[in-house]
């Protein structure tokens, strides 16, 4: 739908419905803005470093494994 067709339909509505349309447009704008702030998958890549000894047993649990 073109902007001109949308404007034509909007101009034919009574004032009370134009207000409802405006409210709905504002709702959609807020919804769209909030969806843009969600983090994307992989955005933390490179932030954490995995140590080479990650899989090694911890000394704190040595007494339980012996």
Foldseek 3Di string as FASTA:
>chain_A
DDPVVVVVVLVPDDPVVVVVVVVVVVVVVVVVVVVVPDDDPPPCPPVDDDDPCNVPDDPVCVVVVD
